Each structure stands twice: as C-alpha cells, then as structure tokens.
Amino acid sequence: GGAAASSTVVAAAYTVPVALYVAVLRLLHRGAVKPDAQDAVWAVGTLA
C-alpha cells in the first residue's frame, strides 16, 4: 500500500514475538518452583 517502515520496525516485527515466545515458554515450563540459575539465563536470552 505504499506505507514506509524503517528497518528497525520491520526487525521488531520479528524479534518482539520471538522474545515473547521465549518468555512465555519459560513461564510455562517453570511452574511453581524457586527461582534458580535458569531464570537468569532465560531473562538474559529474552533481553538479548
């Protein structure tokens, strides 16, 4: 339709859903356990 989007917006359209998937995946698999080293790894991965 002729609308312009910057490369950052296009990249965010890919990376934001992946980051949400990674975060939700950890929450679903974590359950009700104490925080551990994996929580930090998953958080860093999501932010990366």
All heavy atoms as atom14 arrays in JSON, in Angstrom:
{
  "sequence": "GGAAASSTVVAAAYTVPVALYVAVLRLLHRGAVKPDAQDAVWAVGTLA",
  "atom14_mask": [
    [1, 1, 1, 1, 0, 0, 0, 0, 0, 0, 0, 0, 0, 0],
    [1, 1, 1, 1, 0, 0, 0, 0, 0, 0, 0, 0, 0, 0],
    [1, 1, 1, 1, 1, 0, 0, 0, 0, 0, 0, 0, 0, 0],
    [1, 1, 1, 1, 1, 0, 0, 0, 0, 0, 0, 0, 0, 0],
    [1, 1, 1, 1, 1, 0, 0, 0, 0, 0, 0, 0, 0, 0],
    [1, 1, 1, 1, 1, 1, 0, 0, 0, 0, 0, 0, 0, 0],
    [1, 1, 1, 1, 1, 1, 0, 0, 0, 0, 0, 0, 0, 0],
    [1, 1, 1, 1, 1, 1, 1, 0, 0, 0, 0, 0, 0, 0],
    [1, 1, 1, 1, 1, 1, 1, 0, 0, 0, 0, 0, 0, 0],
    [1, 1, 1, 1, 1, 1, 1, 0, 0, 0, 0, 0, 0, 0],
    [1, 1, 1, 1, 1, 0, 0, 0, 0, 0, 0, 0, 0, 0],
    [1, 1, 1, 1, 1, 0, 0, 0, 0, 0, 0, 0, 0, 0],
    [1, 1, 1, 1, 1, 0, 0, 0, 0, 0, 0, 0, 0, 0],
    [1, 1, 1, 1, 1, 1, 1, 1, 1, 1, 1, 1, 0, 0],
    [1, 1, 1, 1, 1, 1, 1, 0, 0, 0, 0, 0, 0, 0],
    [1, 1, 1, 1, 1, 1, 1, 0, 0, 0, 0, 0, 0, 0],
    [1, 1, 1, 1, 1, 1, 1, 0, 0, 0, 0, 0, 0, 0],
    [1, 1, 1, 1, 1, 1, 1, 0, 0, 0, 0, 0, 0, 0],
    [1, 1, 1, 1, 1, 0, 0, 0, 0, 0, 0, 0, 0, 0],
    [1, 1, 1, 1, 1, 1, 1, 1, 0, 0, 0, 0, 0, 0],
    [1, 1, 1, 1, 1, 1, 1, 1, 1, 1, 1, 1, 0, 0],
    [1, 1, 1, 1, 1, 1, 1, 0, 0, 0, 0, 0, 0, 0],
    [1, 1, 1, 1, 1, 0, 0, 0, 0, 0, 0, 0, 0, 0],
    [1, 1, 1, 1, 1, 1, 1, 0, 0, 0, 0, 0, 0, 0],
    [1, 1, 1, 1, 1, 1, 1, 1, 0, 0, 0, 0, 0, 0],
    [1, 1, 1, 1, 1, 1, 1, 1, 1, 1, 1, 0, 0, 0],
    [1, 1, 1, 1, 1, 1, 1, 1, 0, 0, 0, 0, 0, 0],
    [1, 1, 1, 1, 1, 1, 1, 1, 0, 0, 0, 0, 0, 0],
    [1, 1, 1, 1, 1, 1, 1, 1, 1, 1, 0, 0, 0, 0],
    [1, 1, 1, 1, 1, 1, 1, 1, 1, 1, 1, 0, 0, 0],
    [1, 1, 1, 1, 0, 0, 0, 0, 0, 0, 0, 0, 0, 0],
    [1, 1, 1, 1, 1, 0, 0, 0, 0, 0, 0, 0, 0, 0],
    [1, 1, 1, 1, 1, 1, 1, 0, 0, 0, 0, 0, 0, 0],
    [1, 1, 1, 1, 1, 1, 1, 1, 1, 0, 0, 0, 0, 0],
    [1, 1, 1, 1, 1, 1, 1, 0, 0, 0, 0, 0, 0, 0],
    [1, 1, 1, 1, 1, 1, 1, 1, 0, 0, 0, 0, 0, 0],
    [1, 1, 1, 1, 1, 0, 0, 0, 0, 0, 0, 0, 0, 0],
    [1, 1, 1, 1, 1, 1, 1, 1, 1, 0, 0, 0, 0, 0],
    [1, 1, 1, 1, 1, 1, 1, 1, 0, 0, 0, 0, 0, 0],
    [1, 1, 1, 1, 1, 0, 0, 0, 0, 0, 0, 0, 0, 0],
    [1, 1, 1, 1, 1, 1, 1, 0, 0, 0, 0, 0, 0, 0],
    [1, 1, 1, 1, 1, 1, 1, 1, 1, 1, 1, 1, 1, 1],
    [1, 1, 1, 1, 1, 0, 0, 0, 0, 0, 0, 0, 0, 0],
    [1, 1, 1, 1, 1, 1, 1, 0, 0, 0, 0, 0, 0, 0],
    [1, 1, 1, 1, 0, 0, 0, 0, 0, 0, 0, 0, 0, 0],
    [1, 1, 1, 1, 1, 1, 1, 0, 0, 0, 0, 0, 0, 0],
    [1, 1, 1, 1, 1, 1, 1, 1, 0, 0, 0, 0, 0, 0],
    [1, 1, 1, 1, 1, 0, 0, 0, 0, 0, 0, 0, 0, 0]
  ],
  "atom14_positions": [
    [[0.8, -1.22, 0.0], [0.0, 0.0, 0.0], [0.83, 1.27, 0.0], [0.31, 2.36, 0.16], [0.0, 0.0, 0.0], [0.0, 0.0, 0.0], [0.0, 0.0, 0.0], [0.0, 0.0, 0.0], [0.0, 0.0, 0.0], [0.0, 0.0, 0.0], [0.0, 0.0, 0.0], [0.0, 0.0, 0.0], [0.0, 0.0, 0.0], [0.0, 0.0, 0.0]],
    [[2.11, 1.17, -0.16], [2.96, 2.34, -0.24], [3.38, 2.92, 1.09], [4.04, 3.94, 1.13], [0.0, 0.0, 0.0], [0.0, 0.0, 0.0], [0.0, 0.0, 0.0], [0.0, 0.0, 0.0], [0.0, 0.0, 0.0], [0.0, 0.0, 0.0], [0.0, 0.0, 0.0], [0.0, 0.0, 0.0], [0.0, 0.0, 0.0], [0.0, 0.0, 0.0]],
    [[3.0, 2.31, 2.2], [3.42, 2.8, 3.51], [4.88, 2.42, 3.74], [5.32, 1.34, 3.37], [2.55, 2.21, 4.61], [0.0, 0.0, 0.0], [0.0, 0.0, 0.0], [0.0, 0.0, 0.0], [0.0, 0.0, 0.0], [0.0, 0.0, 0.0], [0.0, 0.0, 0.0], [0.0, 0.0, 0.0], [0.0, 0.0, 0.0], [0.0, 0.0, 0.0]],
    [[5.62, 3.32, 4.33], [7.04, 3.06, 4.58], [7.25, 2.65, 6.03], [6.59, 3.16, 6.94], [7.85, 4.31, 4.28], [0.0, 0.0, 0.0], [0.0, 0.0, 0.0], [0.0, 0.0, 0.0], [0.0, 0.0, 0.0], [0.0, 0.0, 0.0], [0.0, 0.0, 0.0], [0.0, 0.0, 0.0], [0.0, 0.0, 0.0], [0.0, 0.0, 0.0]],
    [[8.16, 1.7, 6.23], [8.51, 1.25, 7.58], [10.03, 1.19, 7.67], [10.69, 0.74, 6.75], [7.9, -0.11, 7.87], [0.0, 0.0, 0.0], [0.0, 0.0, 0.0], [0.0, 0.0, 0.0], [0.0, 0.0, 0.0], [0.0, 0.0, 0.0], [0.0, 0.0, 0.0], [0.0, 0.0, 0.0], [0.0, 0.0, 0.0], [0.0, 0.0, 0.0]],
    [[10.55, 1.67, 8.78], [12.0, 1.63, 8.94], [12.47, 0.19, 9.17], [11.69, -0.69, 9.53], [12.44, 2.51, 10.11], [12.04, 1.91, 11.33], [0.0, 0.0, 0.0], [0.0, 0.0, 0.0], [0.0, 0.0, 0.0], [0.0, 0.0, 0.0], [0.0, 0.0, 0.0], [0.0, 0.0, 0.0], [0.0, 0.0, 0.0], [0.0, 0.0, 0.0]],
    [[13.75, -0.03, 8.98], [14.28, -1.38, 9.16], [14.17, -1.83, 10.63], [14.02, -3.02, 10.9], [15.73, -1.45, 8.69], [16.53, -0.53, 9.42], [0.0, 0.0, 0.0], [0.0, 0.0, 0.0], [0.0, 0.0, 0.0], [0.0, 0.0, 0.0], [0.0, 0.0, 0.0], [0.0, 0.0, 0.0], [0.0, 0.0, 0.0], [0.0, 0.0, 0.0]],
    [[14.21, -0.89, 11.55], [14.06, -1.24, 12.96], [12.65, -1.73, 13.26], [12.47, -2.7, 14.0], [14.41, -0.04, 13.86], [15.72, 0.41, 13.54], [14.33, -0.39, 15.32], [0.0, 0.0, 0.0], [0.0, 0.0, 0.0], [0.0, 0.0, 0.0], [0.0, 0.0, 0.0], [0.0, 0.0, 0.0], [0.0, 0.0, 0.0], [0.0, 0.0, 0.0]],
    [[11.66, -1.1, 12.66], [10.27, -1.52, 12.86], [10.05, -2.91, 12.26], [9.41, -3.77, 12.86], [9.29, -0.49, 12.25], [7.87, -1.02, 12.25], [9.38, 0.83, 12.99], [0.0, 0.0, 0.0], [0.0, 0.0, 0.0], [0.0, 0.0, 0.0], [0.0, 0.0, 0.0], [0.0, 0.0, 0.0], [0.0, 0.0, 0.0], [0.0, 0.0, 0.0]],
    [[10.62, -3.13, 11.1], [10.5, -4.44, 10.46], [11.21, -5.5, 11.3], [10.69, -6.61, 11.48], [11.06, -4.39, 9.02], [11.08, -5.77, 8.39], [10.24, -3.43, 8.17], [0.0, 0.0, 0.0], [0.0, 0.0, 0.0], [0.0, 0.0, 0.0], [0.0, 0.0, 0.0], [0.0, 0.0, 0.0], [0.0, 0.0, 0.0], [0.0, 0.0, 0.0]],
    [[12.38, -5.18, 11.83], [13.11, -6.12, 12.68], [12.33, -6.41, 13.95], [12.27, -7.56, 14.41], [14.49, -5.57, 13.01], [0.0, 0.0, 0.0], [0.0, 0.0, 0.0], [0.0, 0.0, 0.0], [0.0, 0.0, 0.0], [0.0, 0.0, 0.0], [0.0, 0.0, 0.0], [0.0, 0.0, 0.0], [0.0, 0.0, 0.0], [0.0, 0.0, 0.0]],
    [[11.72, -5.38, 14.53], [10.94, -5.56, 15.75], [9.72, -6.44, 15.5], [9.29, -7.18, 16.39], [10.51, -4.21, 16.31], [0.0, 0.0, 0.0], [0.0, 0.0, 0.0], [0.0, 0.0, 0.0], [0.0, 0.0, 0.0], [0.0, 0.0, 0.0], [0.0, 0.0, 0.0], [0.0, 0.0, 0.0], [0.0, 0.0, 0.0], [0.0, 0.0, 0.0]],
    [[9.18, -6.39, 14.3], [8.05, -7.25, 13.97], [8.44, -8.72, 14.02], [7.59, -9.6, 14.17], [7.52, -6.9, 12.59], [0.0, 0.0, 0.0], [0.0, 0.0, 0.0], [0.0, 0.0, 0.0], [0.0, 0.0, 0.0], [0.0, 0.0, 0.0], [0.0, 0.0, 0.0], [0.0, 0.0, 0.0], [0.0, 0.0, 0.0], [0.0, 0.0, 0.0]],
    [[9.72, -9.0, 13.91], [10.22, -10.38, 14.0], [10.71, -10.71, 15.42], [10.39, -11.76, 15.97], [11.35, -10.6, 13.0], [11.95, -11.98, 13.05], [11.28, -13.06, 12.48], [13.15, -12.21, 13.7], [11.81, -14.33, 12.54], [13.68, -13.49, 13.76], [13.01, -14.54, 13.19], [13.54, -15.8, 13.26], [0.0, 0.0, 0.0], [0.0, 0.0, 0.0]],
    [[11.48, -9.81, 16.01], [12.14, -10.13, 17.28], [11.21, -10.04, 18.5], [11.38, -10.8, 19.45], [13.37, -9.24, 17.51], [12.97, -7.88, 17.49], [14.43, -9.49, 16.45], [0.0, 0.0, 0.0], [0.0, 0.0, 0.0], [0.0, 0.0, 0.0], [0.0, 0.0, 0.0], [0.0, 0.0, 0.0], [0.0, 0.0, 0.0], [0.0, 0.0, 0.0]],
    [[10.27, -9.13, 18.49], [9.38, -8.99, 19.65], [8.53, -10.26, 19.85], [8.46, -10.76, 20.98], [8.52, -7.71, 19.54], [7.42, -7.69, 20.6], [9.4, -6.48, 19.67], [0.0, 0.0, 0.0], [0.0, 0.0, 0.0], [0.0, 0.0, 0.0], [0.0, 0.0, 0.0], [0.0, 0.0, 0.0], [0.0, 0.0, 0.0], [0.0, 0.0, 0.0]],
    [[7.91, -10.82, 18.81], [7.18, -12.08, 19.03], [8.09, -13.23, 19.49], [7.68, -14.06, 20.3], [6.57, -12.39, 17.66], [6.47, -11.09, 16.98], [7.66, -10.3, 17.46], [0.0, 0.0, 0.0], [0.0, 0.0, 0.0], [0.0, 0.0, 0.0], [0.0, 0.0, 0.0], [0.0, 0.0, 0.0], [0.0, 0.0, 0.0], [0.0, 0.0, 0.0]],
    [[9.32, -13.27, 18.98], [10.24, -14.32, 19.42], [10.57, -14.13, 20.9], [10.59, -15.09, 21.67], [11.53, -14.32, 18.57], [12.57, -15.27, 19.14], [11.22, -14.7, 17.13], [0.0, 0.0, 0.0], [0.0, 0.0, 0.0], [0.0, 0.0, 0.0], [0.0, 0.0, 0.0], [0.0, 0.0, 0.0], [0.0, 0.0, 0.0], [0.0, 0.0, 0.0]],
    [[10.82, -12.89, 21.33], [11.11, -12.62, 22.74], [9.91, -12.98, 23.62], [10.08, -13.56, 24.71], [11.48, -11.16, 22.93], [0.0, 0.0, 0.0], [0.0, 0.0, 0.0], [0.0, 0.0, 0.0], [0.0, 0.0, 0.0], [0.0, 0.0, 0.0], [0.0, 0.0, 0.0], [0.0, 0.0, 0.0], [0.0, 0.0, 0.0], [0.0, 0.0, 0.0]],
    [[8.72, -12.67, 23.18], [7.52, -13.04, 23.94], [7.38, -14.56, 24.03], [7.04, -15.1, 25.08], [6.27, -12.43, 23.31], [6.1, -10.94, 23.48], [4.92, -10.43, 22.66], [5.9, -10.6, 24.94], [0.0, 0.0, 0.0], [0.0, 0.0, 0.0], [0.0, 0.0, 0.0], [0.0, 0.0, 0.0], [0.0, 0.0, 0.0], [0.0, 0.0, 0.0]],
    [[7.66, -15.24, 22.94], [7.61, -16.71, 22.93], [8.6, -17.29, 23.94], [8.26, -18.19, 24.7], [7.9, -17.24, 21.52], [8.01, -18.74, 21.46], [6.86, -19.53, 21.47], [9.24, -19.37, 21.43], [6.93, -20.91, 21.43], [9.33, -20.75, 21.4], [8.18, -21.51, 21.38], [8.27, -22.87, 21.36], [0.0, 0.0, 0.0], [0.0, 0.0, 0.0]],
    [[9.82, -16.78, 23.94], [10.85, -17.27, 24.86], [10.43, -17.03, 26.31], [10.55, -17.91, 27.17], [12.21, -16.61, 24.56], [13.23, -16.9, 25.65], [12.74, -17.08, 23.21], [0.0, 0.0, 0.0], [0.0, 0.0, 0.0], [0.0, 0.0, 0.0], [0.0, 0.0, 0.0], [0.0, 0.0, 0.0], [0.0, 0.0, 0.0], [0.0, 0.0, 0.0]],
    [[9.89, -15.85, 26.6], [9.48, -15.52, 27.97], [8.31, -16.39, 28.42], [8.31, -16.93, 29.53], [9.11, -14.04, 28.05], [0.0, 0.0, 0.0], [0.0, 0.0, 0.0], [0.0, 0.0, 0.0], [0.0, 0.0, 0.0], [0.0, 0.0, 0.0], [0.0, 0.0, 0.0], [0.0, 0.0, 0.0], [0.0, 0.0, 0.0], [0.0, 0.0, 0.0]],
    [[7.31, -16.56, 27.56], [6.15, -17.37, 27.91], [6.54, -18.84, 28.04], [6.05, -19.55, 28.93], [5.01, -17.17, 26.88], [3.9, -18.19, 27.07], [4.46, -15.76, 26.99], [0.0, 0.0, 0.0], [0.0, 0.0, 0.0], [0.0, 0.0, 0.0], [0.0, 0.0, 0.0], [0.0, 0.0, 0.0], [0.0, 0.0, 0.0], [0.0, 0.0, 0.0]],
    [[7.43, -19.3, 27.18], [7.9, -20.68, 27.26], [8.53, -20.96, 28.62], [8.26, -21.98, 29.25], [8.9, -20.96, 26.15], [9.39, -22.38, 25.99], [8.25, -23.29, 25.54], [10.53, -22.44, 25.0], [0.0, 0.0, 0.0], [0.0, 0.0, 0.0], [0.0, 0.0, 0.0], [0.0, 0.0, 0.0], [0.0, 0.0, 0.0], [0.0, 0.0, 0.0]],
    [[9.35, -20.03, 29.1], [9.98, -20.21, 30.42], [8.93, -20.21, 31.52], [8.99, -21.03, 32.45], [11.02, -19.11, 30.68], [11.63, -19.18, 32.06], [12.29, -20.52, 32.33], [12.84, -20.6, 33.68], [13.12, -21.72, 34.3], [12.92, -22.87, 33.7], [13.62, -21.71, 35.51], [0.0, 0.0, 0.0], [0.0, 0.0, 0.0], [0.0, 0.0, 0.0]],
    [[7.98, -19.3, 31.44], [6.94, -19.25, 32.47], [6.11, -20.52, 32.5], [5.75, -21.01, 33.58], [6.04, -18.03, 32.25], [6.68, -16.68, 32.51], [5.72, -15.56, 32.13], [7.11, -16.54, 33.96], [0.0, 0.0, 0.0], [0.0, 0.0, 0.0], [0.0, 0.0, 0.0], [0.0, 0.0, 0.0], [0.0, 0.0, 0.0], [0.0, 0.0, 0.0]],
    [[5.82, -21.08, 31.35], [5.02, -22.3, 31.3], [5.79, -23.5, 31.83], [5.23, -24.37, 32.5], [4.56, -22.58, 29.86], [3.51, -21.63, 29.32], [3.25, -21.94, 27.85], [2.22, -21.74, 30.11], [0.0, 0.0, 0.0], [0.0, 0.0, 0.0], [0.0, 0.0, 0.0], [0.0, 0.0, 0.0], [0.0, 0.0, 0.0], [0.0, 0.0, 0.0]],
    [[7.07, -23.57, 31.55], [7.88, -24.71, 31.99], [8.39, -24.56, 33.42], [8.79, -25.54, 34.03], [9.06, -24.93, 31.04], [8.65, -25.55, 29.76], [8.41, -26.89, 29.63], [8.41, -25.02, 28.55], [8.04, -27.16, 28.39], [8.03, -26.04, 27.71], [0.0, 0.0, 0.0], [0.0, 0.0, 0.0], [0.0, 0.0, 0.0], [0.0, 0.0, 0.0]],
    [[8.39, -23.36, 33.93], [8.94, -23.12, 35.25], [8.03, -23.67, 36.34], [8.49, -24.29, 37.29], [9.14, -21.62, 35.46], [9.77, -21.29, 36.79], [10.13, -19.82, 36.83], [10.78, -19.53, 38.07], [10.15, -19.08, 39.14], [8.85, -18.85, 39.08], [10.78, -18.82, 40.26], [0.0, 0.0, 0.0], [0.0, 0.0, 0.0], [0.0, 0.0, 0.0]],
    [[6.75, -23.43, 36.22], [5.84, -23.89, 37.26], [6.02, -23.08, 38.54], [6.38, -21.91, 38.51], [0.0, 0.0, 0.0], [0.0, 0.0, 0.0], [0.0, 0.0, 0.0], [0.0, 0.0, 0.0], [0.0, 0.0, 0.0], [0.0, 0.0, 0.0], [0.0, 0.0, 0.0], [0.0, 0.0, 0.0], [0.0, 0.0, 0.0], [0.0, 0.0, 0.0]],
    [[5.79, -23.72, 39.66], [5.85, -23.04, 40.95], [7.1, -23.46, 41.72], [7.02, -23.9, 42.86], [4.59, -23.34, 41.75], [0.0, 0.0, 0.0], [0.0, 0.0, 0.0], [0.0, 0.0, 0.0], [0.0, 0.0, 0.0], [0.0, 0.0, 0.0], [0.0, 0.0, 0.0], [0.0, 0.0, 0.0], [0.0, 0.0, 0.0], [0.0, 0.0, 0.0]],
    [[8.24, -23.3, 41.09], [9.48, -23.65, 41.76], [10.22, -22.38, 42.16], [9.92, -21.29, 41.7], [10.39, -24.52, 40.86], [9.72, -25.84, 40.56], [10.75, -23.79, 39.59], [0.0, 0.0, 0.0], [0.0, 0.0, 0.0], [0.0, 0.0, 0.0], [0.0, 0.0, 0.0], [0.0, 0.0, 0.0], [0.0, 0.0, 0.0], [0.0, 0.0, 0.0]],
    [[11.21, -22.56, 43.03], [12.01, -21.43, 43.46], [12.82, -20.89, 42.27], [13.2, -21.65, 41.39], [12.98, -21.85, 44.56], [12.32, -22.29, 45.84], [13.34, -22.57, 46.92], [14.35, -23.59, 46.46], [15.3, -23.99, 47.5], [0.0, 0.0, 0.0], [0.0, 0.0, 0.0], [0.0, 0.0, 0.0], [0.0, 0.0, 0.0], [0.0, 0.0, 0.0]],
    [[13.1, -19.6, 42.28], [13.97, -19.05, 41.24], [15.34, -19.73, 41.27], [15.87, -20.03, 42.33], [14.09, -17.57, 41.6], [12.9, -17.28, 42.44], [12.59, -18.56, 43.17], [0.0, 0.0, 0.0], [0.0, 0.0, 0.0], [0.0, 0.0, 0.0], [0.0, 0.0, 0.0], [0.0, 0.0, 0.0], [0.0, 0.0, 0.0], [0.0, 0.0, 0.0]],
    [[15.88, -20.0, 40.11], [17.17, -20.66, 40.03], [18.02, -20.01, 38.95], [17.64, -18.97, 38.39], [17.01, -22.17, 39.79], [16.25, -22.5, 38.52], [15.84, -21.57, 37.81], [16.06, -23.68, 38.24], [0.0, 0.0, 0.0], [0.0, 0.0, 0.0], [0.0, 0.0, 0.0], [0.0, 0.0, 0.0], [0.0, 0.0, 0.0], [0.0, 0.0, 0.0]],
    [[19.14, -20.62, 38.66], [20.06, -20.05, 37.67], [19.44, -20.01, 36.29], [19.75, -19.13, 35.48], [21.36, -20.85, 37.64], [0.0, 0.0, 0.0], [0.0, 0.0, 0.0], [0.0, 0.0, 0.0], [0.0, 0.0, 0.0], [0.0, 0.0, 0.0], [0.0, 0.0, 0.0], [0.0, 0.0, 0.0], [0.0, 0.0, 0.0], [0.0, 0.0, 0.0]],
    [[18.54, -20.94, 36.0], [17.9, -20.93, 34.68], [17.07, -19.67, 34.46], [16.96, -19.2, 33.35], [17.02, -22.16, 34.51], [17.76, -23.37, 34.06], [16.8, -24.45, 33.56], [15.66, -24.18, 33.22], [17.3, -25.66, 33.54], [0.0, 0.0, 0.0], [0.0, 0.0, 0.0], [0.0, 0.0, 0.0], [0.0, 0.0, 0.0], [0.0, 0.0, 0.0]],
    [[16.47, -19.15, 35.52], [15.69, -17.92, 35.38], [16.54, -16.79, 34.83], [16.11, -16.03, 33.97], [15.06, -17.51, 36.71], [13.92, -18.42, 37.12], [13.3, -19.02, 36.24], [13.67, -18.54, 38.34], [0.0, 0.0, 0.0], [0.0, 0.0, 0.0], [0.0, 0.0, 0.0], [0.0, 0.0, 0.0], [0.0, 0.0, 0.0], [0.0, 0.0, 0.0]],
    [[17.76, -16.68, 35.33], [18.66, -15.63, 34.86], [19.05, -15.86, 33.41], [19.1, -14.92, 32.61], [19.91, -15.58, 35.74], [0.0, 0.0, 0.0], [0.0, 0.0, 0.0], [0.0, 0.0, 0.0], [0.0, 0.0, 0.0], [0.0, 0.0, 0.0], [0.0, 0.0, 0.0], [0.0, 0.0, 0.0], [0.0, 0.0, 0.0], [0.0, 0.0, 0.0]],
    [[19.3, -17.11, 33.05], [19.68, -17.43, 31.67], [18.54, -17.08, 30.71], [18.76, -16.46, 29.67], [20.06, -18.93, 31.54], [20.23, -19.33, 30.1], [21.32, -19.22, 32.34], [0.0, 0.0, 0.0], [0.0, 0.0, 0.0], [0.0, 0.0, 0.0], [0.0, 0.0, 0.0], [0.0, 0.0, 0.0], [0.0, 0.0, 0.0], [0.0, 0.0, 0.0]],
    [[17.33, -17.45, 31.07], [16.18, -17.16, 30.21], [15.93, -15.65, 30.12], [15.59, -15.14, 29.04], [14.94, -17.87, 30.72], [14.93, -19.33, 30.4], [15.45, -20.32, 31.17], [14.43, -19.96, 29.23], [15.28, -21.53, 30.55], [14.66, -21.35, 29.37], [13.79, -19.49, 28.09], [14.26, -22.27, 28.4], [13.4, -20.42, 27.12], [13.64, -21.78, 27.27]],
    [[16.1, -14.93, 31.23], [15.9, -13.48, 31.2], [16.92, -12.8, 30.3], [16.58, -11.92, 29.5], [15.98, -12.91, 32.62], [0.0, 0.0, 0.0], [0.0, 0.0, 0.0], [0.0, 0.0, 0.0], [0.0, 0.0, 0.0], [0.0, 0.0, 0.0], [0.0, 0.0, 0.0], [0.0, 0.0, 0.0], [0.0, 0.0, 0.0], [0.0, 0.0, 0.0]],
    [[18.18, -13.21, 30.41], [19.22, -12.64, 29.56], [18.95, -12.99, 28.1], [19.11, -12.14, 27.21], [20.62, -13.13, 30.0], [21.68, -12.79, 28.98], [20.97, -12.55, 31.36], [0.0, 0.0, 0.0], [0.0, 0.0, 0.0], [0.0, 0.0, 0.0], [0.0, 0.0, 0.0], [0.0, 0.0, 0.0], [0.0, 0.0, 0.0], [0.0, 0.0, 0.0]],
    [[18.51, -14.21, 27.84], [18.18, -14.61, 26.47], [17.05, -13.78, 25.88], [17.11, -13.36, 24.73], [0.0, 0.0, 0.0], [0.0, 0.0, 0.0], [0.0, 0.0, 0.0], [0.0, 0.0, 0.0], [0.0, 0.0, 0.0], [0.0, 0.0, 0.0], [0.0, 0.0, 0.0], [0.0, 0.0, 0.0], [0.0, 0.0, 0.0], [0.0, 0.0, 0.0]],
    [[16.02, -13.54, 26.69], [14.89, -12.72, 26.22], [15.34, -11.3, 25.91], [14.99, -10.74, 24.87], [13.78, -12.71, 27.28], [13.37, -14.05, 27.54], [12.59, -11.91, 26.82], [0.0, 0.0, 0.0], [0.0, 0.0, 0.0], [0.0, 0.0, 0.0], [0.0, 0.0, 0.0], [0.0, 0.0, 0.0], [0.0, 0.0, 0.0], [0.0, 0.0, 0.0]],
    [[16.13, -10.72, 26.79], [16.63, -9.36, 26.55], [17.58, -9.31, 25.36], [17.59, -8.33, 24.61], [17.31, -8.83, 27.81], [16.38, -8.57, 28.99], [17.19, -8.18, 30.22], [15.35, -7.51, 28.66], [0.0, 0.0, 0.0], [0.0, 0.0, 0.0], [0.0, 0.0, 0.0], [0.0, 0.0, 0.0], [0.0, 0.0, 0.0], [0.0, 0.0, 0.0]],
    [[18.36, -10.36, 25.18], [19.28, -10.4, 24.03], [18.5, -10.46, 22.73], [18.89, -9.81, 21.74], [20.22, -11.6, 24.15], [0.0, 0.0, 0.0], [0.0, 0.0, 0.0], [0.0, 0.0, 0.0], [0.0, 0.0, 0.0], [0.0, 0.0, 0.0], [0.0, 0.0, 0.0], [0.0, 0.0, 0.0], [0.0, 0.0, 0.0], [0.0, 0.0, 0.0]]
  ]
}
